[in-house]
Amino acid sequence: MSRLTYNRIKEFLAKKGKKNIDLALYMKVDPQTVSGWCRNINQPEYPTLFKISDFLEVEAGDLLTLKKDLRDLEIKKDKKTTSIASKKKQLKRK
């Protein structure tokens, strides 16, 4: 199963000079929860997304990736960056 970049929370945290722990404290959630959002492993529910947008001072819609911009997350293996999609293609060839 492919993991896609559904949200841009990590990007906006960096742009605003804030850290995962700052968001976790504001949201009163475990830092691992924020980490899951930032790595697109888990997605926040809509009410949570609006609260995150308040913290980051952006519109909630700005935190979502546009459908046309969805892309596979990259994974690092053996000091090389490889997309999940390219790994799937390699497996199909075998």
Protein backbone atom coordinates (compact mmCIF):
# COMPACT_ATOMS: atom_id res chain seq x y z
CA MET A 1 0.00 0.00 0.00
CA SER A 2 1.37 3.35 -1.03
CA ARG A 3 1.59 6.28 1.40
CA LEU A 4 0.77 9.64 -0.12
CA THR A 5 1.40 13.19 1.06
CA TYR A 6 -2.19 14.03 1.99
CA ASN A 7 -1.35 16.88 4.32
CA ARG A 8 1.28 19.59 4.52
CA ILE A 9 1.46 19.99 8.30
CA LYS A 10 5.21 19.32 8.42
CA GLU A 11 5.82 21.88 5.67
CA PHE A 12 3.87 24.61 7.49
CA LEU A 13 5.49 23.86 10.84
CA ALA A 14 8.87 24.46 9.17
CA LYS A 15 7.66 27.62 7.39
CA LYS A 16 6.38 29.04 10.68
CA GLY A 17 9.54 28.04 12.58
CA LYS A 18 7.59 25.76 14.92
CA LYS A 19 8.30 22.23 16.05
CA ASN A 20 6.21 19.10 16.43
CA ILE A 21 6.36 19.43 20.21
CA ASP A 22 4.91 22.95 20.02
CA LEU A 23 1.91 21.63 18.10
CA ALA A 24 1.56 18.63 20.43
CA LEU A 25 1.45 20.90 23.48
CA TYR A 26 -1.08 23.24 21.82
CA MET A 27 -3.28 20.32 20.72
CA LYS A 28 -2.83 18.47 24.04
CA VAL A 29 -1.87 15.28 22.21
CA ASP A 30 1.09 12.94 22.38
CA PRO A 31 4.06 14.11 20.27
CA GLN A 32 3.89 10.77 18.44
CA THR A 33 0.43 11.73 17.20
CA VAL A 34 1.84 14.90 15.64
CA SER A 35 4.72 12.89 14.21
CA GLY A 36 2.22 10.56 12.53
CA TRP A 37 0.45 13.53 10.95
CA CYS A 38 3.74 15.05 9.79
CA ARG A 39 4.86 11.77 8.21
CA ASN A 40 1.40 11.20 6.67
CA ILE A 41 1.02 7.90 8.50
CA ASN A 42 -2.20 9.16 10.13
CA GLN A 43 -4.48 12.00 9.17
CA PRO A 44 -6.19 14.39 11.60
CA GLU A 45 -9.97 14.57 11.64
CA TYR A 46 -11.57 17.72 10.24
CA PRO A 47 -12.15 19.49 13.59
CA THR A 48 -8.53 18.76 14.51
CA LEU A 49 -7.34 20.08 11.15
CA PHE A 50 -9.11 23.38 11.84
CA LYS A 51 -7.48 23.64 15.27
CA ILE A 52 -4.07 22.93 13.69
CA SER A 53 -4.76 25.67 11.14
CA ASP A 54 -5.47 28.11 14.00
CA PHE A 55 -2.13 27.24 15.59
CA LEU A 56 -0.28 27.68 12.30
CA GLU A 57 -2.31 30.78 11.34
CA VAL A 58 -3.25 29.38 7.93
CA GLU A 59 -6.48 28.26 6.30
CA ALA A 60 -7.35 24.62 6.93
CA GLY A 61 -7.47 24.00 3.18
CA ASP A 62 -3.86 25.13 2.87
CA LEU A 63 -2.85 22.16 5.03
CA LEU A 64 -4.20 19.70 2.47
CA THR A 65 -2.33 18.59 -0.60
CA LEU A 66 -4.16 19.28 -3.85
CA LYS A 67 -5.27 16.13 -5.64
CA LYS A 68 -3.09 16.94 -8.65
CA ASP A 69 -0.06 17.26 -6.34
CA LEU A 70 -0.44 13.96 -4.48
CA ARG A 71 2.82 12.05 -4.62
CA ASP A 72 4.35 9.01 -3.03
CA LEU A 73 6.35 9.64 0.10
CA GLU A 74 10.00 8.88 -0.33
CA ILE A 75 11.67 6.23 1.79
CA LYS A 76 15.37 6.02 2.52
CA LYS A 77 17.14 2.72 2.13
CA ASP A 78 20.87 2.03 1.94
CA LYS A 79 21.61 5.77 1.86
CA LYS A 80 19.59 6.10 -1.37
CA THR A 81 16.22 7.78 -1.62
CA THR A 82 13.69 5.70 -3.47
CA SER A 83 10.00 6.35 -3.93
CA ILE A 84 7.54 3.66 -2.98
CA ALA A 85 6.17 3.70 -6.54
CA SER A 86 9.57 2.93 -8.05
CA LYS A 87 10.01 0.07 -5.57
CA LYS A 88 6.69 -1.40 -6.74
CA LYS A 89 7.83 -1.16 -10.36
CA GLN A 90 11.04 -3.00 -9.51
CA LEU A 91 9.08 -5.78 -7.82
CA LYS A 92 6.76 -6.17 -10.81
CA ARG A 93 9.73 -6.66 -13.11
CA LYS A 94 11.02 -9.62 -11.07
